[in-house]
Amino acid sequence: MIGDLARLVNPTGRLGIAGVFTATDAAPAPEGGHADGSLQVPWAVLFNKGITVGFGRTHDRRYATHLRDLIISGRARPSQIITHHEALEDAPSIYDRFDRRVDGIVKAVFNH
């Protein structure tokens, strides 16, 4: 996945990776990753293209407990915001339709 990002970003471009990352995870390792949390990063591609890479953590720690409590109490139902279930191959079309605000896409879940 990071290899795809490095390939797609224009030379001298910027790559921002935001999310939740834990050093170890019980979930299966992502593509290009290992169970210990390490990732295979195509450093040569990033260096040769002069890509700036930045990382940041989302506000998951700030909101996780509150959101969990809302879900447990029944006041929040995450399934209500998921409007589309699509195949991963359809992601470009879904993102295009989301950007154009058509078909009522709020949140899509992609299945591999």
N, C-alpha and C. Protein backbone atom coordinates (compact mmCIF):
# COMPACT_ATOMS: atom_id res chain seq x y z
N MET A 1 0.82 -1.17 0.00
CA MET A 1 0.00 0.00 0.00
C MET A 1 0.87 1.26 0.00
N ILE A 2 1.87 1.34 0.85
CA ILE A 2 2.75 2.50 0.85
C ILE A 2 3.53 2.56 -0.46
N GLY A 3 3.83 1.40 -1.01
CA GLY A 3 4.49 1.36 -2.32
C GLY A 3 3.62 2.00 -3.39
N ASP A 4 2.31 1.75 -3.36
CA ASP A 4 1.39 2.36 -4.31
C ASP A 4 1.35 3.87 -4.13
N LEU A 5 1.31 4.32 -2.88
CA LEU A 5 1.30 5.76 -2.62
C LEU A 5 2.57 6.41 -3.15
N ALA A 6 3.72 5.80 -2.90
CA ALA A 6 4.99 6.35 -3.37
C ALA A 6 5.01 6.41 -4.90
N ARG A 7 4.45 5.43 -5.53
CA ARG A 7 4.41 5.38 -7.00
C ARG A 7 3.48 6.46 -7.56
N LEU A 8 2.36 6.73 -6.88
CA LEU A 8 1.35 7.65 -7.40
C LEU A 8 1.62 9.13 -7.14
N VAL A 9 2.36 9.43 -6.08
CA VAL A 9 2.62 10.82 -5.74
C VAL A 9 3.59 11.42 -6.76
N ASN A 10 3.29 12.64 -7.21
CA ASN A 10 4.15 13.33 -8.17
C ASN A 10 5.51 13.64 -7.55
N PRO A 11 6.55 13.72 -8.38
CA PRO A 11 7.85 14.12 -7.86
C PRO A 11 7.76 15.45 -7.11
N THR A 12 8.49 15.56 -6.03
CA THR A 12 8.50 16.69 -5.09
C THR A 12 7.15 16.89 -4.42
N GLY A 13 6.29 15.90 -4.48
CA GLY A 13 4.98 16.00 -3.84
C GLY A 13 5.06 15.69 -2.36
N ARG A 14 3.91 15.67 -1.74
CA ARG A 14 3.82 15.41 -0.30
C ARG A 14 2.89 14.24 -0.06
N LEU A 15 3.25 13.47 0.91
CA LEU A 15 2.45 12.31 1.31
C LEU A 15 2.16 12.45 2.79
N GLY A 16 0.90 12.56 3.15
CA GLY A 16 0.50 12.67 4.54
C GLY A 16 -0.25 11.42 4.96
N ILE A 17 0.20 10.80 6.01
CA ILE A 17 -0.41 9.58 6.50
C ILE A 17 -0.94 9.85 7.90
N ALA A 18 -2.26 9.86 8.02
CA ALA A 18 -2.89 10.11 9.32
C ALA A 18 -3.72 8.89 9.69
N GLY A 19 -3.77 8.59 10.96
CA GLY A 19 -4.58 7.46 11.38
C GLY A 19 -4.20 6.99 12.75
N VAL A 20 -4.54 5.76 13.01
CA VAL A 20 -4.24 5.13 14.28
C VAL A 20 -3.22 4.04 14.00
N PHE A 21 -2.13 4.07 14.74
CA PHE A 21 -1.10 3.07 14.53
C PHE A 21 -0.64 2.57 15.88
N THR A 22 -0.64 1.28 16.04
CA THR A 22 -0.11 0.68 17.25
C THR A 22 1.08 -0.19 16.87
N ALA A 23 2.06 -0.24 17.74
CA ALA A 23 3.27 -1.00 17.44
C ALA A 23 2.98 -2.49 17.26
N THR A 24 2.04 -3.00 18.02
CA THR A 24 1.65 -4.40 17.85
C THR A 24 0.14 -4.45 17.78
N ASP A 25 -0.35 -5.41 17.07
CA ASP A 25 -1.79 -5.51 16.85
C ASP A 25 -2.13 -6.98 16.70
N ALA A 26 -3.27 -7.36 17.25
CA ALA A 26 -3.71 -8.74 17.13
C ALA A 26 -4.31 -9.02 15.76
N ALA A 27 -4.63 -7.96 15.01
CA ALA A 27 -5.22 -8.12 13.69
C ALA A 27 -4.16 -8.61 12.71
N PRO A 28 -4.60 -9.21 11.60
CA PRO A 28 -3.63 -9.62 10.59
C PRO A 28 -2.83 -8.42 10.09
N ALA A 29 -1.59 -8.65 9.77
CA ALA A 29 -0.72 -7.57 9.30
C ALA A 29 -1.24 -7.05 7.96
N PRO A 30 -1.18 -5.72 7.75
CA PRO A 30 -1.60 -5.17 6.46
C PRO A 30 -0.63 -5.56 5.37
N GLU A 31 -1.06 -5.37 4.13
CA GLU A 31 -0.20 -5.66 3.00
C GLU A 31 1.10 -4.89 3.14
N GLY A 32 2.22 -5.57 3.04
CA GLY A 32 3.51 -4.92 3.17
C GLY A 32 3.93 -4.72 4.61
N GLY A 33 3.17 -5.27 5.54
CA GLY A 33 3.49 -5.08 6.95
C GLY A 33 3.71 -6.39 7.67
N HIS A 34 4.12 -6.27 8.92
CA HIS A 34 4.41 -7.43 9.73
C HIS A 34 3.63 -7.35 11.03
N ALA A 35 3.44 -8.47 11.69
CA ALA A 35 2.66 -8.52 12.93
C ALA A 35 3.25 -7.63 14.02
N ASP A 36 4.55 -7.35 13.95
CA ASP A 36 5.16 -6.51 14.99
C ASP A 36 4.95 -5.02 14.72
N GLY A 37 4.21 -4.68 13.68
CA GLY A 37 3.91 -3.29 13.38
C GLY A 37 4.85 -2.65 12.38
N SER A 38 5.91 -3.33 11.99
CA SER A 38 6.84 -2.73 11.02
C SER A 38 6.26 -2.84 9.61
N LEU A 39 6.64 -1.88 8.79
CA LEU A 39 6.17 -1.84 7.41
C LEU A 39 7.34 -1.82 6.45
N GLN A 40 7.12 -2.35 5.27
CA GLN A 40 8.12 -2.25 4.21
C GLN A 40 7.85 -0.93 3.49
N VAL A 41 8.79 -0.03 3.53
CA VAL A 41 8.63 1.29 2.93
C VAL A 41 9.63 1.42 1.78
N PRO A 42 9.16 1.85 0.62
CA PRO A 42 10.05 2.00 -0.54
C PRO A 42 10.85 3.30 -0.46
N TRP A 43 11.81 3.33 0.46
CA TRP A 43 12.57 4.56 0.71
C TRP A 43 13.25 5.08 -0.54
N ALA A 44 13.78 4.21 -1.37
CA ALA A 44 14.49 4.67 -2.57
C ALA A 44 13.56 5.45 -3.50
N VAL A 45 12.35 4.99 -3.66
CA VAL A 45 11.38 5.70 -4.51
C VAL A 45 11.08 7.06 -3.92
N LEU A 46 10.83 7.10 -2.61
CA LEU A 46 10.51 8.37 -1.95
C LEU A 46 11.68 9.36 -2.07
N PHE A 47 12.90 8.89 -1.84
CA PHE A 47 14.08 9.75 -1.94
C PHE A 47 14.28 10.24 -3.38
N ASN A 48 14.23 9.30 -4.33
CA ASN A 48 14.48 9.66 -5.73
C ASN A 48 13.47 10.66 -6.27
N LYS A 49 12.23 10.59 -5.80
CA LYS A 49 11.20 11.51 -6.26
C LYS A 49 11.14 12.78 -5.41
N GLY A 50 11.91 12.84 -4.34
CA GLY A 50 11.91 14.02 -3.49
C GLY A 50 10.59 14.24 -2.77
N ILE A 51 9.96 13.17 -2.36
CA ILE A 51 8.65 13.25 -1.71
C ILE A 51 8.81 13.56 -0.22
N THR A 52 8.02 14.50 0.25
CA THR A 52 7.97 14.82 1.67
C THR A 52 6.91 13.93 2.32
N VAL A 53 7.29 13.26 3.40
CA VAL A 53 6.37 12.36 4.08
C VAL A 53 6.12 12.87 5.49
N GLY A 54 4.86 12.97 5.85
CA GLY A 54 4.48 13.39 7.19
C GLY A 54 3.53 12.39 7.81
N PHE A 55 3.59 12.26 9.10
CA PHE A 55 2.73 11.32 9.82
C PHE A 55 1.99 12.06 10.92
N GLY A 56 0.83 11.59 11.26
CA GLY A 56 0.10 12.18 12.37
C GLY A 56 -0.97 11.23 12.87
N ARG A 57 -1.20 11.33 14.13
CA ARG A 57 -2.21 10.48 14.73
C ARG A 57 -3.54 11.22 14.74
N THR A 58 -4.61 10.51 14.47
CA THR A 58 -5.93 11.11 14.55
C THR A 58 -6.30 11.33 16.01
N HIS A 59 -7.42 11.92 16.25
CA HIS A 59 -7.85 12.21 17.61
C HIS A 59 -8.56 11.02 18.25
N ASP A 60 -8.15 9.82 17.90
CA ASP A 60 -8.83 8.63 18.41
C ASP A 60 -8.80 8.55 19.93
N ARG A 61 -7.70 8.92 20.53
CA ARG A 61 -7.60 8.82 21.99
C ARG A 61 -8.56 9.79 22.68
N ARG A 62 -8.78 10.94 22.07
CA ARG A 62 -9.66 11.94 22.66
C ARG A 62 -11.12 11.49 22.63
N TYR A 63 -11.53 10.79 21.57
CA TYR A 63 -12.94 10.49 21.38
C TYR A 63 -13.34 9.03 21.58
N ALA A 64 -12.40 8.12 21.63
CA ALA A 64 -12.72 6.70 21.64
C ALA A 64 -13.63 6.29 22.79
N THR A 65 -13.33 6.70 23.99
CA THR A 65 -14.14 6.30 25.14
C THR A 65 -15.55 6.88 25.04
N HIS A 66 -15.64 8.14 24.67
CA HIS A 66 -16.95 8.78 24.54
C HIS A 66 -17.78 8.10 23.45
N LEU A 67 -17.16 7.83 22.30
CA LEU A 67 -17.89 7.17 21.22
C LEU A 67 -18.30 5.75 21.61
N ARG A 68 -17.42 5.04 22.29
CA ARG A 68 -17.77 3.69 22.75
C ARG A 68 -18.99 3.73 23.64
N ASP A 69 -19.01 4.69 24.58
CA ASP A 69 -20.15 4.80 25.50
C ASP A 69 -21.44 5.15 24.77
N LEU A 70 -21.35 5.99 23.75
CA LEU A 70 -22.54 6.31 22.96
C LEU A 70 -23.07 5.08 22.23
N ILE A 71 -22.16 4.27 21.71
CA ILE A 71 -22.58 3.05 21.01
C ILE A 71 -23.20 2.06 21.98
N ILE A 72 -22.56 1.86 23.13
CA ILE A 72 -23.08 0.92 24.12
C ILE A 72 -24.46 1.33 24.60
N SER A 73 -24.68 2.63 24.80
CA SER A 73 -25.97 3.11 25.28
C SER A 73 -27.04 3.10 24.20
N GLY A 74 -26.65 2.89 22.94
CA GLY A 74 -27.61 2.87 21.85
C GLY A 74 -27.89 4.25 21.27
N ARG A 75 -27.25 5.28 21.78
CA ARG A 75 -27.46 6.64 21.27
C ARG A 75 -26.78 6.85 19.92
N ALA A 76 -25.75 6.08 19.65
CA ALA A 76 -25.05 6.16 18.36
C ALA A 76 -25.06 4.78 17.72
N ARG A 77 -25.35 4.76 16.43
CA ARG A 77 -25.37 3.51 15.68
C ARG A 77 -24.50 3.68 14.43
N PRO A 78 -23.24 3.25 14.52
CA PRO A 78 -22.31 3.45 13.39
C PRO A 78 -22.83 2.91 12.07
N SER A 79 -23.61 1.87 12.10
CA SER A 79 -24.10 1.28 10.85
C SER A 79 -24.99 2.25 10.08
N GLN A 80 -25.54 3.26 10.74
CA GLN A 80 -26.41 4.21 10.04
C GLN A 80 -25.64 5.15 9.13
N ILE A 81 -24.36 5.37 9.37
CA ILE A 81 -23.62 6.27 8.49
C ILE A 81 -22.98 5.54 7.31
N ILE A 82 -22.94 4.22 7.36
CA ILE A 82 -22.40 3.45 6.24
C ILE A 82 -23.49 3.33 5.19
N THR A 83 -23.25 3.99 4.08
CA THR A 83 -24.27 4.03 3.03
C THR A 83 -23.97 3.09 1.87
N HIS A 84 -22.74 2.64 1.74
CA HIS A 84 -22.38 1.80 0.61
C HIS A 84 -21.38 0.73 1.04
N HIS A 85 -21.57 -0.47 0.53
CA HIS A 85 -20.61 -1.58 0.66
C HIS A 85 -20.18 -1.91 -0.76
N GLU A 86 -18.90 -1.79 -1.02
CA GLU A 86 -18.40 -1.93 -2.39
C GLU A 86 -17.15 -2.80 -2.43
N ALA A 87 -16.85 -3.31 -3.62
CA ALA A 87 -15.61 -4.04 -3.84
C ALA A 87 -14.46 -3.04 -3.90
N LEU A 88 -13.29 -3.45 -3.46
CA LEU A 88 -12.12 -2.59 -3.45
C LEU A 88 -11.81 -2.05 -4.84
N GLU A 89 -12.06 -2.84 -5.87
CA GLU A 89 -11.80 -2.41 -7.24
C GLU A 89 -12.66 -1.21 -7.64
N ASP A 90 -13.79 -1.01 -6.96
CA ASP A 90 -14.69 0.10 -7.29
C ASP A 90 -14.34 1.39 -6.55
N ALA A 91 -13.27 1.39 -5.77
CA ALA A 91 -12.91 2.56 -4.96
C ALA A 91 -12.76 3.84 -5.80
N PRO A 92 -12.07 3.82 -6.94
CA PRO A 92 -11.95 5.08 -7.70
C PRO A 92 -13.30 5.67 -8.08
N SER A 93 -14.22 4.83 -8.50
CA SER A 93 -15.55 5.31 -8.87
C SER A 93 -16.31 5.85 -7.66
N ILE A 94 -16.21 5.14 -6.54
CA ILE A 94 -16.90 5.57 -5.32
C ILE A 94 -16.35 6.92 -4.86
N TYR A 95 -15.03 7.07 -4.83
CA TYR A 95 -14.43 8.34 -4.41
C TYR A 95 -14.84 9.47 -5.36
N ASP A 96 -14.88 9.21 -6.64
CA ASP A 96 -15.31 10.22 -7.61
C ASP A 96 -16.75 10.64 -7.33
N ARG A 97 -17.63 9.67 -7.14
CA ARG A 97 -19.04 9.99 -6.86
C ARG A 97 -19.18 10.69 -5.51
N PHE A 98 -18.38 10.31 -4.52
CA PHE A 98 -18.41 10.98 -3.22
C PHE A 98 -17.99 12.44 -3.37
N ASP A 99 -16.90 12.69 -4.11
CA ASP A 99 -16.42 14.05 -4.32
C ASP A 99 -17.46 14.92 -5.02
N ARG A 100 -18.23 14.32 -5.94
CA ARG A 100 -19.25 15.07 -6.68
C ARG A 100 -20.58 15.15 -5.91
N ARG A 101 -20.63 14.52 -4.73
CA ARG A 101 -21.83 14.53 -3.87
C ARG A 101 -23.05 13.94 -4.57
N VAL A 102 -22.83 12.82 -5.26
CA VAL A 102 -23.94 12.13 -5.92
C VAL A 102 -24.16 10.77 -5.27
N ASP A 103 -25.32 10.23 -5.46
CA ASP A 103 -25.69 8.89 -4.99
C ASP A 103 -25.75 8.78 -3.47
N GLY A 104 -25.74 9.89 -2.76
CA GLY A 104 -25.91 9.85 -1.30
C GLY A 104 -24.82 9.11 -0.55
N ILE A 105 -23.61 9.10 -1.07
CA ILE A 105 -22.51 8.40 -0.40
C ILE A 105 -22.04 9.23 0.79
N VAL A 106 -22.13 8.64 1.98
CA VAL A 106 -21.63 9.26 3.20
C VAL A 106 -20.39 8.54 3.67
N LYS A 107 -20.50 7.22 3.77
CA LYS A 107 -19.37 6.38 4.23
C LYS A 107 -19.45 5.07 3.47
N ALA A 108 -18.35 4.69 2.86
CA ALA A 108 -18.30 3.43 2.11
C ALA A 108 -17.35 2.47 2.80
N VAL A 109 -17.72 1.22 2.80
CA VAL A 109 -16.87 0.15 3.30
C VAL A 109 -16.43 -0.66 2.10
N PHE A 110 -15.11 -0.83 1.95
CA PHE A 110 -14.58 -1.59 0.82
C PHE A 110 -14.18 -2.98 1.28
N ASN A 111 -14.62 -3.96 0.52
CA ASN A 111 -14.28 -5.36 0.81
C ASN A 111 -13.21 -5.82 -0.16
N HIS A 112 -12.20 -6.45 0.37
CA HIS A 112 -11.07 -6.93 -0.45
C HIS A 112 -11.45 -8.21 -1.10
